[in-house]
PDB file of N, CA and C in Angstrom:
ATOM      1  N   UNK A   1     138.317 165.572  72.991  1.00  0.00           N
ATOM      2  CA  UNK A   1     137.007 165.004  73.273  1.00  0.00           C
ATOM      3  C   UNK A   1     136.840 164.887  74.785  1.00  0.00           C
ATOM      4  N   UNK A   2     135.782 165.443  75.295  1.00  0.00           N
ATOM      5  CA  UNK A   2     135.534 165.450  76.740  1.00  0.00           C
ATOM      6  C   UNK A   2     135.047 164.086  77.202  1.00  0.00           C
ATOM      7  N   UNK A   3     135.424 163.671  78.422  1.00  0.00           N
ATOM      8  CA  UNK A   3     134.943 162.381  78.930  1.00  0.00           C
ATOM      9  C   UNK A   3     133.439 162.409  79.179  1.00  0.00           C
ATOM     10  N   UNK A   4     132.827 161.274  79.019  1.00  0.00           N
ATOM     11  CA  UNK A   4     131.395 161.136  79.224  1.00  0.00           C
ATOM     12  C   UNK A   4     131.101 161.128  80.725  1.00  0.00           C
ATOM     13  N   UNK A   5     130.456 162.182  81.214  1.00  0.00           N
ATOM     14  CA  UNK A   5     130.170 162.297  82.647  1.00  0.00           C
ATOM     15  C   UNK A   5     129.050 161.355  83.094  1.00  0.00           C
ATOM     16  N   UNK A   6     128.327 160.774  82.147  1.00  0.00           N
ATOM     17  CA  UNK A   6     127.253 159.837  82.498  1.00  0.00           C
ATOM     18  C   UNK A   6     127.772 158.405  82.597  1.00  0.00           C
ATOM     19  N   UNK A   7     129.052 158.223  82.363  1.00  0.00           N
ATOM     20  CA  UNK A   7     129.637 156.886  82.393  1.00  0.00           C
ATOM     21  C   UNK A   7     129.603 156.314  83.808  1.00  0.00           C
ATOM     22  N   UNK A   8     129.562 154.990  83.902  1.00  0.00           N
ATOM     23  CA  UNK A   8     129.547 154.343  85.223  1.00  0.00           C
ATOM     24  C   UNK A   8     130.845 154.610  85.970  1.00  0.00           C
ATOM     25  N   UNK A   9     131.913 154.886  85.247  1.00  0.00           N
ATOM     26  CA  UNK A   9     133.191 155.182  85.902  1.00  0.00           C
ATOM     27  C   UNK A   9     133.058 156.440  86.758  1.00  0.00           C
ATOM     28  N   UNK A  10     132.376 157.440  86.243  1.00  0.00           N
ATOM     29  CA  UNK A  10     132.215 158.695  86.981  1.00  0.00           C
ATOM     30  C   UNK A  10     131.185 158.579  88.099  1.00  0.00           C
ATOM     31  N   UNK A  11     130.249 157.665  87.948  1.00  0.00           N
ATOM     32  CA  UNK A  11     129.219 157.513  88.974  1.00  0.00           C
ATOM     33  C   UNK A  11     129.644 156.620  90.122  1.00  0.00           C
ATOM     34  N   UNK A  12     130.408 155.556  89.852  1.00  0.00           N
ATOM     35  CA  UNK A  12     130.664 154.530  90.852  1.00  0.00           C
ATOM     36  C   UNK A  12     132.052 154.532  91.461  1.00  0.00           C
ATOM     37  N   UNK A  13     133.036 154.972  90.718  1.00  0.00           N
ATOM     38  CA  UNK A  13     134.400 154.904  91.235  1.00  0.00           C
ATOM     39  C   UNK A  13     134.783 156.168  91.995  1.00  0.00           C
ATOM     40  N   UNK A  14     135.639 156.030  92.990  1.00  0.00           N
ATOM     41  CA  UNK A  14     136.111 157.216  93.699  1.00  0.00           C
ATOM     42  C   UNK A  14     136.951 158.105  92.778  1.00  0.00           C
ATOM     43  N   UNK A  15     137.058 159.351  93.126  1.00  0.00           N
ATOM     44  CA  UNK A  15     137.771 160.344  92.321  1.00  0.00           C
ATOM     45  C   UNK A  15     139.207 159.919  92.016  1.00  0.00           C
ATOM     46  N   UNK A  16     139.867 159.273  92.973  1.00  0.00           N
ATOM     47  CA  UNK A  16     141.268 158.871  92.804  1.00  0.00           C
ATOM     48  C   UNK A  16     141.413 157.796  91.728  1.00  0.00           C
ATOM     49  N   UNK A  17     140.445 156.902  91.602  1.00  0.00           N
ATOM     50  CA  UNK A  17     140.546 155.779  90.669  1.00  0.00           C
ATOM     51  C   UNK A  17     140.076 156.114  89.258  1.00  0.00           C
ATOM     52  N   UNK A  18     139.356 157.196  89.083  1.00  0.00           N
ATOM     53  CA  UNK A  18     138.773 157.519  87.772  1.00  0.00           C
ATOM     54  C   UNK A  18     139.791 157.691  86.649  1.00  0.00           C
ATOM     55  N   UNK A  19     140.876 158.431  86.846  1.00  0.00           N
ATOM     56  CA  UNK A  19     141.828 158.565  85.729  1.00  0.00           C
ATOM     57  C   UNK A  19     142.411 157.227  85.269  1.00  0.00           C
ATOM     58  N   UNK A  20     142.657 156.332  86.208  1.00  0.00           N
ATOM     59  CA  UNK A  20     143.211 155.023  85.861  1.00  0.00           C
ATOM     60  C   UNK A  20     142.183 154.160  85.135  1.00  0.00           C
ATOM     61  N   UNK A  21     140.932 154.228  85.573  1.00  0.00           N
ATOM     62  CA  UNK A  21     139.868 153.471  84.910  1.00  0.00           C
ATOM     63  C   UNK A  21     139.659 153.985  83.488  1.00  0.00           C
ATOM     64  N   UNK A  22     139.750 155.291  83.306  1.00  0.00           N
ATOM     65  CA  UNK A  22     139.622 155.847  81.965  1.00  0.00           C
ATOM     66  C   UNK A  22     140.841 155.515  81.112  1.00  0.00           C
ATOM     67  N   UNK A  23     142.008 155.448  81.731  1.00  0.00           N
ATOM     68  CA  UNK A  23     143.228 155.120  81.002  1.00  0.00           C
ATOM     69  C   UNK A  23     143.174 153.713  80.421  1.00  0.00           C
ATOM     70  N   UNK A  24     142.662 152.755  81.179  1.00  0.00           N
ATOM     71  CA  UNK A  24     142.549 151.381  80.678  1.00  0.00           C
ATOM     72  C   UNK A  24     141.215 151.131  79.992  1.00  0.00           C
ATOM     73  N   UNK A  25     140.443 152.203  79.797  1.00  0.00           N
ATOM     74  CA  UNK A  25     139.179 152.185  79.042  1.00  0.00           C
ATOM     75  C   UNK A  25     138.173 151.181  79.604  1.00  0.00           C
ATOM     76  N   UNK A  26     138.000 151.178  80.917  1.00  0.00           N
ATOM     77  CA  UNK A  26     137.020 150.285  81.528  1.00  0.00           C
ATOM     78  C   UNK A  26     135.599 150.639  81.114  1.00  0.00           C
ATOM     79  N   UNK A  27     135.381 151.888  80.731  1.00  0.00           N
ATOM     80  CA  UNK A  27     134.045 152.298  80.310  1.00  0.00           C
ATOM     81  C   UNK A  27     133.761 151.964  78.846  1.00  0.00           C
ATOM     82  N   UNK A  28     134.782 151.511  78.096  1.00  0.00           N
ATOM     83  CA  UNK A  28     134.626 151.154  76.678  1.00  0.00           C
ATOM     84  C   UNK A  28     135.317 149.819  76.420  1.00  0.00           C
ATOM     85  N   UNK A  29     134.702 148.710  76.812  1.00  0.00           N
ATOM     86  CA  UNK A  29     135.394 147.412  76.769  1.00  0.00           C
ATOM     87  C   UNK A  29     135.309 146.663  75.436  1.00  0.00           C
ATOM     88  N   UNK A  30     134.936 147.307  74.339  1.00  0.00           N
ATOM     89  CA  UNK A  30     134.729 146.565  73.095  1.00  0.00           C
ATOM     90  C   UNK A  30     135.999 145.868  72.618  1.00  0.00           C
ATOM     91  N   UNK A  31     137.161 146.483  72.804  1.00  0.00           N
ATOM     92  CA  UNK A  31     138.410 145.847  72.396  1.00  0.00           C
ATOM     93  C   UNK A  31     138.668 144.556  73.150  1.00  0.00           C
ATOM     94  N   UNK A  32     138.378 144.576  74.447  1.00  0.00           N
ATOM     95  CA  UNK A  32     138.547 143.369  75.255  1.00  0.00           C
ATOM     96  C   UNK A  32     137.588 142.278  74.818  1.00  0.00           C
ATOM     97  N   UNK A  33     136.346 142.643  74.550  1.00  0.00           N
ATOM     98  CA  UNK A  33     135.355 141.645  74.138  1.00  0.00           C
ATOM     99  C   UNK A  33     135.711 141.031  72.791  1.00  0.00           C
ATOM    100  N   UNK A  34     136.274 141.833  71.877  1.00  0.00           N
ATOM    101  CA  UNK A  34     136.622 141.310  70.560  1.00  0.00           C
ATOM    102  C   UNK A  34     137.738 140.275  70.635  1.00  0.00           C
ATOM    103  N   UNK A  35     138.566 140.345  71.657  1.00  0.00           N
ATOM    104  CA  UNK A  35     139.613 139.348  71.853  1.00  0.00           C
ATOM    105  C   UNK A  35     139.108 138.200  72.727  1.00  0.00           C
ATOM    106  N   UNK A  36     138.326 138.524  73.735  1.00  0.00           N
ATOM    107  CA  UNK A  36     137.902 137.539  74.724  1.00  0.00           C
ATOM    108  C   UNK A  36     136.949 136.486  74.154  1.00  0.00           C
ATOM    109  N   UNK A  37     135.920 136.900  73.425  1.00  0.00           N
ATOM    110  CA  UNK A  37     134.917 135.948  72.951  1.00  0.00           C
ATOM    111  C   UNK A  37     135.475 134.880  72.014  1.00  0.00           C
ATOM    112  N   UNK A  38     136.309 135.222  71.011  1.00  0.00           N
ATOM    113  CA  UNK A  38     136.873 134.139  70.177  1.00  0.00           C
ATOM    114  C   UNK A  38     137.752 133.181  70.978  1.00  0.00           C
ATOM    115  N   UNK A  39     138.492 133.710  71.965  1.00  0.00           N
ATOM    116  CA  UNK A  39     139.336 132.838  72.791  1.00  0.00           C
ATOM    117  C   UNK A  39     138.470 131.872  73.601  1.00  0.00           C
ATOM    118  N   UNK A  40     137.459 132.401  74.272  1.00  0.00           N
ATOM    119  CA  UNK A  40     136.566 131.539  75.059  1.00  0.00           C
ATOM    120  C   UNK A  40     135.872 130.519  74.160  1.00  0.00           C
ATOM    121  N   UNK A  41     135.446 130.966  72.987  1.00  0.00           N
ATOM    122  CA  UNK A  41     134.744 130.073  72.076  1.00  0.00           C
ATOM    123  C   UNK A  41     135.650 128.932  71.624  1.00  0.00           C
ATOM    124  N   UNK A  42     136.896 129.245  71.277  1.00  0.00           N
ATOM    125  CA  UNK A  42     137.810 128.201  70.796  1.00  0.00           C
ATOM    126  C   UNK A  42     138.187 127.229  71.914  1.00  0.00           C
ATOM    127  N   UNK A  43     138.344 127.724  73.138  1.00  0.00           N
ATOM    128  CA  UNK A  43     138.633 126.840  74.276  1.00  0.00           C
ATOM    129  C   UNK A  43     137.452 125.903  74.518  1.00  0.00           C
ATOM    130  N   UNK A  44     136.253 126.444  74.406  1.00  0.00           N
ATOM    131  CA  UNK A  44     135.050 125.637  74.609  1.00  0.00           C
ATOM    132  C   UNK A  44     134.901 124.588  73.511  1.00  0.00           C
ATOM    133  N   UNK A  45     135.173 124.947  72.274  1.00  0.00           N
ATOM    134  CA  UNK A  45     135.072 123.991  71.162  1.00  0.00           C
ATOM    135  C   UNK A  45     136.119 122.894  71.302  1.00  0.00           C
ATOM    136  N   UNK A  46     137.314 123.236  71.813  1.00  0.00           N
ATOM    137  CA  UNK A  46     138.393 122.255  71.940  1.00  0.00           C
ATOM    138  C   UNK A  46     138.181 121.291  73.103  1.00  0.00           C
ATOM    139  N   UNK A  47     137.208 121.556  73.951  1.00  0.00           N
ATOM    140  CA  UNK A  47     136.936 120.695  75.099  1.00  0.00           C
ATOM    141  C   UNK A  47     136.232 119.417  74.642  1.00  0.00           C
ATOM    142  N   UNK A  48     136.668 118.266  75.127  1.00  0.00           N
ATOM    143  CA  UNK A  48     135.987 117.018  74.758  1.00  0.00           C
ATOM    144  C   UNK A  48     134.502 117.053  75.156  1.00  0.00           C
ATOM    145  N   UNK A  49     133.711 116.353  74.389  1.00  0.00           N
ATOM    146  CA  UNK A  49     132.260 116.339  74.587  1.00  0.00           C
ATOM    147  C   UNK A  49     131.908 115.844  75.987  1.00  0.00           C
ATOM    148  N   UNK A  50     131.029 116.571  76.666  1.00  0.00           N
ATOM    149  CA  UNK A  50     130.563 116.175  77.985  1.00  0.00           C
ATOM    150  C   UNK A  50     131.429 116.663  79.132  1.00  0.00           C
ATOM    151  N   UNK A  51     132.506 117.372  78.848  1.00  0.00           N
ATOM    152  CA  UNK A  51     133.386 117.889  79.909  1.00  0.00           C
ATOM    153  C   UNK A  51     133.249 119.397  80.012  1.00  0.00           C
ATOM    154  N   UNK A  52     133.674 119.915  81.137  1.00  0.00           N
ATOM    155  CA  UNK A  52     133.663 121.361  81.380  1.00  0.00           C
ATOM    156  C   UNK A  52     134.969 121.952  80.851  1.00  0.00           C
ATOM    157  N   UNK A  53     134.926 123.135  80.204  1.00  0.00           N
ATOM    158  CA  UNK A  53     136.167 123.754  79.732  1.00  0.00           C
ATOM    159  C   UNK A  53     137.144 123.997  80.880  1.00  0.00           C
ATOM    160  N   UNK A  54     138.421 123.967  80.567  1.00  0.00           N
ATOM    161  CA  UNK A  54     139.475 124.163  81.554  1.00  0.00           C
ATOM    162  C   UNK A  54     139.416 125.591  82.101  1.00  0.00           C
ATOM    163  N   UNK A  55     139.114 125.720  83.381  1.00  0.00           N
ATOM    164  CA  UNK A  55     138.959 127.029  83.997  1.00  0.00           C
ATOM    165  C   UNK A  55     140.275 127.807  84.053  1.00  0.00           C
ATOM    166  N   UNK A  56     141.394 127.080  84.146  1.00  0.00           N
ATOM    167  CA  UNK A  56     142.693 127.767  84.144  1.00  0.00           C
ATOM    168  C   UNK A  56     142.939 128.451  82.808  1.00  0.00           C
ATOM    169  N   UNK A  57     142.593 127.767  81.729  1.00  0.00           N
ATOM    170  CA  UNK A  57     142.771 128.360  80.405  1.00  0.00           C
ATOM    171  C   UNK A  57     141.827 129.547  80.203  1.00  0.00           C
ATOM    172  N   UNK A  58     140.586 129.412  80.665  1.00  0.00           N
ATOM    173  CA  UNK A  58     139.641 130.521  80.544  1.00  0.00           C
ATOM    174  C   UNK A  58     140.129 131.729  81.340  1.00  0.00           C
ATOM    175  N   UNK A  59     140.647 131.496  82.540  1.00  0.00           N
ATOM    176  CA  UNK A  59     141.172 132.592  83.353  1.00  0.00           C
ATOM    177  C   UNK A  59     142.408 133.216  82.720  1.00  0.00           C
ATOM    178  N   UNK A  60     143.281 132.384  82.166  1.00  0.00           N
ATOM    179  CA  UNK A  60     144.497 132.873  81.527  1.00  0.00           C
ATOM    180  C   UNK A  60     144.153 133.782  80.347  1.00  0.00           C
ATOM    181  N   UNK A  61     143.265 133.327  79.478  1.00  0.00           N
ATOM    182  CA  UNK A  61     142.883 134.142  78.329  1.00  0.00           C
ATOM    183  C   UNK A  61     142.030 135.337  78.738  1.00  0.00           C
ATOM    184  N   UNK A  62     141.252 135.183  79.820  1.00  0.00           N
ATOM    185  CA  UNK A  62     140.484 136.321  80.330  1.00  0.00           C
ATOM    186  C   UNK A  62     141.390 137.436  80.823  1.00  0.00           C
ATOM    187  N   UNK A  63     142.433 137.077  81.540  1.00  0.00           N
ATOM    188  CA  UNK A  63     143.400 138.079  81.997  1.00  0.00           C
ATOM    189  C   UNK A  63     144.212 138.631  80.837  1.00  0.00           C
ATOM    190  N   UNK A  64     144.515 137.784  79.883  1.00  0.00           N
ATOM    191  CA  UNK A  64     145.309 138.221  78.734  1.00  0.00           C
ATOM    192  C   UNK A  64     144.574 139.183  77.825  1.00  0.00           C
ATOM    193  N   UNK A  65     143.268 139.120  77.795  1.00  0.00           N
ATOM    194  CA  UNK A  65     142.504 140.028  76.938  1.00  0.00           C
ATOM    195  C   UNK A  65     142.404 141.423  77.544  1.00  0.00           C
ATOM    196  N   UNK A  66     142.735 141.540  78.790  1.00  0.00           N
ATOM    197  CA  UNK A  66     142.687 142.859  79.426  1.00  0.00           C
ATOM    198  C   UNK A  66     143.928 143.607  79.065  1.00  0.00           C
TER     199      UNK A  66
END
């Protein structure tokens, strides 16, 4: 299957970075979103009423979903 030449990876990234961006599927992030949203949602639900969710936990799970 040929890569999509209309992808933002081909338009915005330099030639050297494109193979790596395609390797980690930056142009197709659905897998990351399927892991990220439930994690963010559960962290937000576990936060006591009236407080802001723990940014360290959000960052940790955000990096972990990649």
